[in-house]
Amino acid sequence: LFPTLVSLGVSRLSAVAVIATTMSIEWGILETNSIFAAQVAGMKIATYFFHYQLPVASCVIISVAISHFFVQRAFDKKDKNINHEQAEQKALDNVPPLYYAILPVMPLILMLGSLFLAHIGLMQSEL
C-alpha cells in the first residue's frame, strides 16, 4: 500500500500516517476485543457486530478519513520548506545496528524455537 500511495503523489509521511491509522482501528467479527465484548454483553458476535460495532465504526472511519484529508494537507503545506534530500542523506549516514531489527522479533523466535524443540522431543512444553 505504501508504494502505491507514494506513486499516486501522496507524501511519504502522509502515507505512513494513513497506514498507521488503519492499523489502530480494530473492528470486525474476528477481532479479539469484539469477541470479548460480545461475550461480556451476553450476545452473539454477529449481533454485537452488526447492531453495535458496525454503526460506530462506520462513523469513526468516515470522520478519520475526512480529518486525514485536512490534517495531512496542512502538514504537507507546512513541510514543503524542508529539504528532504538532505534529510534522507542524513538518515542513510546514521544506520542503526542490525540487532535493532532482531530485538522486536526475538519473543516470536523464542516461542517458535521452543515449539520446534518440543515437537522434536528435546523439550517439554504445555500450551
N, C-alpha and C. Protein backbone atom coordinates (compact mmCIF):
# COMPACT_ATOMS: atom_id res chain seq x y z
N LEU A 1 0.82 -1.19 0.00
CA LEU A 1 0.00 0.00 0.00
C LEU A 1 0.86 1.26 0.00
N PHE A 2 1.97 1.22 0.74
CA PHE A 2 2.84 2.40 0.81
C PHE A 2 3.38 2.82 -0.56
N PRO A 3 3.95 1.88 -1.34
CA PRO A 3 4.44 2.30 -2.66
C PRO A 3 3.33 2.83 -3.57
N THR A 4 2.15 2.26 -3.46
CA THR A 4 1.03 2.71 -4.27
C THR A 4 0.64 4.15 -3.92
N LEU A 5 0.54 4.43 -2.63
CA LEU A 5 0.18 5.78 -2.21
C LEU A 5 1.24 6.80 -2.62
N VAL A 6 2.51 6.44 -2.47
CA VAL A 6 3.59 7.36 -2.85
C VAL A 6 3.59 7.59 -4.35
N SER A 7 3.35 6.53 -5.13
CA SER A 7 3.32 6.70 -6.59
C SER A 7 2.13 7.52 -7.05
N LEU A 8 1.08 7.59 -6.24
CA LEU A 8 -0.08 8.42 -6.57
C LEU A 8 0.11 9.88 -6.19
N GLY A 9 1.26 10.19 -5.59
CA GLY A 9 1.56 11.58 -5.25
C GLY A 9 1.37 11.93 -3.79
N VAL A 10 1.03 10.97 -2.96
CA VAL A 10 0.88 11.23 -1.53
C VAL A 10 2.28 11.31 -0.93
N SER A 11 2.51 12.25 -0.03
CA SER A 11 3.82 12.36 0.59
C SER A 11 4.10 11.12 1.44
N ARG A 12 5.37 10.85 1.66
CA ARG A 12 5.76 9.65 2.40
C ARG A 12 5.19 9.66 3.82
N LEU A 13 5.27 10.79 4.50
CA LEU A 13 4.77 10.87 5.87
C LEU A 13 3.25 10.73 5.92
N SER A 14 2.56 11.28 4.94
CA SER A 14 1.10 11.13 4.90
C SER A 14 0.70 9.68 4.66
N ALA A 15 1.44 9.00 3.79
CA ALA A 15 1.15 7.59 3.52
C ALA A 15 1.36 6.75 4.77
N VAL A 16 2.43 7.01 5.49
CA VAL A 16 2.68 6.28 6.74
C VAL A 16 1.60 6.57 7.76
N ALA A 17 1.16 7.82 7.86
CA ALA A 17 0.11 8.18 8.82
C ALA A 17 -1.20 7.47 8.51
N VAL A 18 -1.55 7.39 7.24
CA VAL A 18 -2.79 6.71 6.86
C VAL A 18 -2.70 5.22 7.18
N ILE A 19 -1.58 4.60 6.87
CA ILE A 19 -1.41 3.17 7.13
C ILE A 19 -1.45 2.90 8.63
N ALA A 20 -0.77 3.73 9.42
CA ALA A 20 -0.77 3.54 10.87
C ALA A 20 -2.15 3.73 11.47
N THR A 21 -2.91 4.67 10.95
CA THR A 21 -4.26 4.89 11.45
C THR A 21 -5.17 3.71 11.16
N THR A 22 -5.05 3.14 9.97
CA THR A 22 -5.91 2.00 9.65
C THR A 22 -5.58 0.80 10.52
N MET A 23 -4.36 0.71 10.97
CA MET A 23 -3.99 -0.41 11.84
C MET A 23 -4.50 -0.20 13.27
N SER A 24 -4.84 1.02 13.63
CA SER A 24 -5.26 1.29 15.00
C SER A 24 -6.76 1.08 15.22
N ILE A 25 -7.53 0.99 14.16
CA ILE A 25 -8.97 0.79 14.29
C ILE A 25 -9.24 -0.71 14.26
N GLU A 26 -9.61 -1.25 15.40
CA GLU A 26 -9.85 -2.69 15.50
C GLU A 26 -11.36 -2.93 15.51
N TRP A 27 -11.85 -3.44 14.40
CA TRP A 27 -13.27 -3.74 14.32
C TRP A 27 -13.46 -4.92 13.40
N GLY A 28 -14.42 -5.73 13.70
CA GLY A 28 -14.70 -6.89 12.88
C GLY A 28 -15.11 -8.07 13.74
N ILE A 29 -15.66 -9.05 13.09
CA ILE A 29 -16.18 -10.22 13.80
C ILE A 29 -15.05 -11.06 14.40
N LEU A 30 -13.89 -11.08 13.77
CA LEU A 30 -12.80 -11.93 14.23
C LEU A 30 -11.82 -11.23 15.17
N GLU A 31 -12.04 -9.99 15.50
CA GLU A 31 -11.14 -9.28 16.41
C GLU A 31 -11.40 -9.73 17.85
N THR A 32 -10.33 -9.87 18.61
CA THR A 32 -10.45 -10.39 19.97
C THR A 32 -11.26 -9.46 20.87
N ASN A 33 -11.12 -8.16 20.71
CA ASN A 33 -11.90 -7.23 21.53
C ASN A 33 -13.39 -7.34 21.23
N SER A 34 -13.74 -7.57 19.99
CA SER A 34 -15.15 -7.73 19.62
C SER A 34 -15.72 -9.00 20.23
N ILE A 35 -14.96 -10.06 20.15
CA ILE A 35 -15.42 -11.34 20.71
C ILE A 35 -15.60 -11.21 22.22
N PHE A 36 -14.63 -10.58 22.88
CA PHE A 36 -14.71 -10.41 24.33
C PHE A 36 -15.89 -9.52 24.72
N ALA A 37 -16.09 -8.43 24.00
CA ALA A 37 -17.21 -7.54 24.30
C ALA A 37 -18.55 -8.23 24.10
N ALA A 38 -18.66 -9.04 23.06
CA ALA A 38 -19.91 -9.78 22.82
C ALA A 38 -20.16 -10.79 23.94
N GLN A 39 -19.10 -11.45 24.40
CA GLN A 39 -19.26 -12.40 25.49
C GLN A 39 -19.67 -11.70 26.78
N VAL A 40 -19.05 -10.57 27.07
CA VAL A 40 -19.39 -9.82 28.28
C VAL A 40 -20.83 -9.31 28.21
N ALA A 41 -21.26 -8.90 27.03
CA ALA A 41 -22.63 -8.41 26.86
C ALA A 41 -23.65 -9.54 26.80
N GLY A 42 -23.16 -10.77 26.64
CA GLY A 42 -24.06 -11.92 26.60
C GLY A 42 -24.82 -12.04 25.29
N MET A 43 -24.20 -11.66 24.20
CA MET A 43 -24.87 -11.78 22.90
C MET A 43 -23.95 -12.45 21.89
N LYS A 44 -24.53 -12.85 20.78
CA LYS A 44 -23.74 -13.46 19.72
C LYS A 44 -22.88 -12.40 19.06
N ILE A 45 -21.73 -12.84 18.55
CA ILE A 45 -20.78 -11.91 17.95
C ILE A 45 -21.37 -11.21 16.73
N ALA A 46 -22.15 -11.93 15.93
CA ALA A 46 -22.75 -11.31 14.74
C ALA A 46 -23.74 -10.21 15.13
N THR A 47 -24.54 -10.46 16.15
CA THR A 47 -25.49 -9.46 16.63
C THR A 47 -24.75 -8.23 17.15
N TYR A 48 -23.73 -8.48 17.95
CA TYR A 48 -22.94 -7.37 18.50
C TYR A 48 -22.31 -6.56 17.38
N PHE A 49 -21.73 -7.24 16.40
CA PHE A 49 -21.03 -6.53 15.33
C PHE A 49 -21.99 -5.70 14.49
N PHE A 50 -23.06 -6.31 14.00
CA PHE A 50 -23.95 -5.60 13.07
C PHE A 50 -24.81 -4.53 13.73
N HIS A 51 -25.18 -4.74 14.99
CA HIS A 51 -26.08 -3.78 15.63
C HIS A 51 -25.36 -2.72 16.46
N TYR A 52 -24.17 -3.02 16.94
CA TYR A 52 -23.50 -2.07 17.83
C TYR A 52 -22.16 -1.57 17.27
N GLN A 53 -21.32 -2.48 16.81
CA GLN A 53 -19.98 -2.07 16.40
C GLN A 53 -19.95 -1.44 15.01
N LEU A 54 -20.66 -2.00 14.07
CA LEU A 54 -20.62 -1.50 12.69
C LEU A 54 -21.09 -0.05 12.55
N PRO A 55 -22.19 0.35 13.17
CA PRO A 55 -22.59 1.77 13.04
C PRO A 55 -21.55 2.73 13.62
N VAL A 56 -20.99 2.38 14.77
CA VAL A 56 -19.99 3.25 15.39
C VAL A 56 -18.71 3.26 14.57
N ALA A 57 -18.25 2.09 14.15
CA ALA A 57 -17.01 2.00 13.37
C ALA A 57 -17.14 2.73 12.04
N SER A 58 -18.30 2.66 11.43
CA SER A 58 -18.51 3.37 10.16
C SER A 58 -18.37 4.88 10.34
N CYS A 59 -18.96 5.40 11.40
CA CYS A 59 -18.83 6.84 11.68
C CYS A 59 -17.39 7.22 11.99
N VAL A 60 -16.70 6.38 12.75
CA VAL A 60 -15.31 6.66 13.09
C VAL A 60 -14.44 6.65 11.85
N ILE A 61 -14.61 5.66 10.99
CA ILE A 61 -13.78 5.55 9.79
C ILE A 61 -14.01 6.74 8.86
N ILE A 62 -15.26 7.15 8.69
CA ILE A 62 -15.56 8.30 7.84
C ILE A 62 -14.96 9.58 8.42
N SER A 63 -15.10 9.78 9.73
CA SER A 63 -14.56 11.00 10.33
C SER A 63 -13.03 11.00 10.31
N VAL A 64 -12.40 9.86 10.49
CA VAL A 64 -10.93 9.78 10.43
C VAL A 64 -10.45 10.05 9.00
N ALA A 65 -11.16 9.53 8.01
CA ALA A 65 -10.77 9.78 6.61
C ALA A 65 -10.87 11.26 6.27
N ILE A 66 -11.94 11.90 6.71
CA ILE A 66 -12.10 13.34 6.45
C ILE A 66 -11.02 14.14 7.17
N SER A 67 -10.77 13.80 8.43
CA SER A 67 -9.74 14.54 9.17
C SER A 67 -8.35 14.31 8.60
N HIS A 68 -8.07 13.10 8.10
CA HIS A 68 -6.79 12.85 7.44
C HIS A 68 -6.60 13.76 6.24
N PHE A 69 -7.64 13.95 5.47
CA PHE A 69 -7.53 14.81 4.30
C PHE A 69 -7.06 16.21 4.68
N PHE A 70 -7.72 16.81 5.67
CA PHE A 70 -7.39 18.18 6.04
C PHE A 70 -6.07 18.27 6.81
N VAL A 71 -5.85 17.36 7.73
CA VAL A 71 -4.63 17.42 8.54
C VAL A 71 -3.39 17.15 7.69
N GLN A 72 -3.44 16.13 6.85
CA GLN A 72 -2.27 15.81 6.03
C GLN A 72 -2.01 16.90 5.00
N ARG A 73 -3.05 17.51 4.47
CA ARG A 73 -2.86 18.61 3.52
C ARG A 73 -2.18 19.78 4.21
N ALA A 74 -2.59 20.08 5.44
CA ALA A 74 -1.96 21.18 6.19
C ALA A 74 -0.50 20.87 6.51
N PHE A 75 -0.23 19.64 6.93
CA PHE A 75 1.15 19.28 7.25
C PHE A 75 2.02 19.23 6.00
N ASP A 76 1.46 18.80 4.88
CA ASP A 76 2.24 18.78 3.64
C ASP A 76 2.60 20.19 3.19
N LYS A 77 1.67 21.14 3.35
CA LYS A 77 1.98 22.53 3.01
C LYS A 77 3.08 23.08 3.91
N LYS A 78 3.00 22.73 5.18
CA LYS A 78 3.99 23.19 6.15
C LYS A 78 5.35 22.53 5.90
N ASP A 79 5.33 21.31 5.38
CA ASP A 79 6.53 20.51 5.19
C ASP A 79 7.28 20.84 3.90
N LYS A 80 6.70 21.64 3.01
CA LYS A 80 7.34 21.94 1.72
C LYS A 80 8.64 22.72 1.87
N ASN A 81 8.82 23.40 2.99
CA ASN A 81 10.01 24.21 3.18
C ASN A 81 11.23 23.39 3.60
N ILE A 82 11.06 22.13 3.91
CA ILE A 82 12.16 21.29 4.38
C ILE A 82 12.82 20.61 3.19
N ASN A 83 14.14 20.56 3.19
CA ASN A 83 14.90 19.89 2.14
C ASN A 83 14.94 18.39 2.44
N HIS A 84 14.14 17.60 1.74
CA HIS A 84 14.03 16.17 2.03
C HIS A 84 15.25 15.39 1.58
N GLU A 85 15.92 15.82 0.52
CA GLU A 85 17.09 15.08 0.05
C GLU A 85 18.19 15.11 1.09
N GLN A 86 18.37 16.25 1.73
CA GLN A 86 19.39 16.36 2.77
C GLN A 86 19.00 15.51 3.98
N ALA A 87 17.71 15.49 4.33
CA ALA A 87 17.26 14.68 5.46
C ALA A 87 17.42 13.20 5.17
N GLU A 88 17.13 12.76 3.93
CA GLU A 88 17.30 11.35 3.58
C GLU A 88 18.76 10.95 3.60
N GLN A 89 19.66 11.81 3.13
CA GLN A 89 21.08 11.51 3.15
C GLN A 89 21.58 11.40 4.59
N LYS A 90 21.09 12.28 5.46
CA LYS A 90 21.47 12.23 6.86
C LYS A 90 20.96 10.93 7.50
N ALA A 91 19.76 10.50 7.12
CA ALA A 91 19.21 9.26 7.65
C ALA A 91 20.02 8.05 7.18
N LEU A 92 20.50 8.08 5.94
CA LEU A 92 21.31 6.97 5.43
C LEU A 92 22.68 6.92 6.09
N ASP A 93 23.21 8.06 6.48
CA ASP A 93 24.50 8.08 7.15
C ASP A 93 24.42 7.54 8.56
N ASN A 94 23.28 7.65 9.19
CA ASN A 94 23.11 7.22 10.57
C ASN A 94 22.34 5.90 10.61
N VAL A 95 22.97 4.81 10.22
CA VAL A 95 22.33 3.50 10.16
C VAL A 95 22.44 2.83 11.53
N PRO A 96 21.32 2.38 12.11
CA PRO A 96 21.38 1.73 13.42
C PRO A 96 21.97 0.32 13.31
N PRO A 97 22.37 -0.26 14.43
CA PRO A 97 22.92 -1.62 14.41
C PRO A 97 21.87 -2.64 13.98
N LEU A 98 22.33 -3.78 13.50
CA LEU A 98 21.44 -4.83 13.00
C LEU A 98 20.57 -5.42 14.10
N TYR A 99 21.09 -5.47 15.33
CA TYR A 99 20.30 -6.09 16.39
C TYR A 99 19.05 -5.27 16.72
N TYR A 100 18.96 -4.03 16.28
CA TYR A 100 17.72 -3.27 16.45
C TYR A 100 16.58 -3.88 15.64
N ALA A 101 16.90 -4.54 14.56
CA ALA A 101 15.88 -5.21 13.75
C ALA A 101 15.53 -6.57 14.32
N ILE A 102 16.45 -7.20 15.03
CA ILE A 102 16.23 -8.55 15.55
C ILE A 102 15.49 -8.51 16.89
N LEU A 103 15.75 -7.53 17.72
CA LEU A 103 15.15 -7.49 19.06
C LEU A 103 13.62 -7.51 19.07
N PRO A 104 12.92 -6.79 18.22
CA PRO A 104 11.45 -6.84 18.27
C PRO A 104 10.86 -8.21 17.95
N VAL A 105 11.55 -9.01 17.15
CA VAL A 105 11.01 -10.33 16.79
C VAL A 105 11.59 -11.44 17.65
N MET A 106 12.43 -11.10 18.63
CA MET A 106 13.04 -12.12 19.49
C MET A 106 12.01 -12.94 20.26
N PRO A 107 10.95 -12.36 20.83
CA PRO A 107 9.95 -13.21 21.51
C PRO A 107 9.31 -14.23 20.57
N LEU A 108 9.04 -13.83 19.35
CA LEU A 108 8.47 -14.76 18.38
C LEU A 108 9.46 -15.87 18.05
N ILE A 109 10.73 -15.53 17.88
CA ILE A 109 11.76 -16.53 17.60
C ILE A 109 11.88 -17.51 18.75
N LEU A 110 11.88 -17.00 19.99
CA LEU A 110 11.98 -17.88 21.15
C LEU A 110 10.76 -18.79 21.27
N MET A 111 9.58 -18.25 21.02
CA MET A 111 8.37 -19.05 21.12
C MET A 111 8.35 -20.15 20.06
N LEU A 112 8.64 -19.79 18.82
CA LEU A 112 8.65 -20.79 17.75
C LEU A 112 9.77 -21.79 17.94
N GLY A 113 10.91 -21.33 18.46
CA GLY A 113 12.02 -22.24 18.73
C GLY A 113 11.66 -23.25 19.81
N SER A 114 10.98 -22.81 20.87
CA SER A 114 10.59 -23.75 21.92
C SER A 114 9.53 -24.72 21.42
N LEU A 115 8.63 -24.26 20.56
CA LEU A 115 7.65 -25.18 19.98
C LEU A 115 8.32 -26.22 19.09
N PHE A 116 9.33 -25.79 18.33
CA PHE A 116 10.07 -26.71 17.48
C PHE A 116 10.81 -27.74 18.33
N LEU A 117 11.47 -27.29 19.40
CA LEU A 117 12.19 -28.22 20.27
C LEU A 117 11.23 -29.19 20.95
N ALA A 118 10.05 -28.72 21.33
CA ALA A 118 9.05 -29.61 21.93
C ALA A 118 8.54 -30.60 20.90
N HIS A 119 8.42 -30.17 19.66
CA HIS A 119 7.93 -31.05 18.59
C HIS A 119 8.91 -32.19 18.30
N ILE A 120 10.19 -31.91 18.35
CA ILE A 120 11.16 -32.97 18.07
C ILE A 120 11.54 -33.74 19.32
N GLY A 121 10.96 -33.38 20.47
CA GLY A 121 11.13 -34.16 21.68
C GLY A 121 12.29 -33.75 22.55
N LEU A 122 12.93 -32.65 22.30
CA LEU A 122 14.06 -32.20 23.11
C LEU A 122 13.62 -31.37 24.31
N MET A 123 12.38 -30.94 24.31
CA MET A 123 11.90 -30.11 25.39
C MET A 123 10.41 -30.35 25.55
N GLN A 124 9.94 -30.34 26.79
CA GLN A 124 8.51 -30.49 27.01
C GLN A 124 7.90 -29.12 27.25
N SER A 125 6.76 -28.91 26.64
CA SER A 125 6.06 -27.64 26.87
C SER A 125 4.57 -27.91 26.97
N GLU A 126 3.92 -27.08 27.74
CA GLU A 126 2.47 -27.17 27.87
C GLU A 126 1.87 -25.91 27.26
N LEU A 127 0.93 -26.10 26.37
CA LEU A 127 0.27 -24.95 25.76
C LEU A 127 -1.18 -24.93 26.14
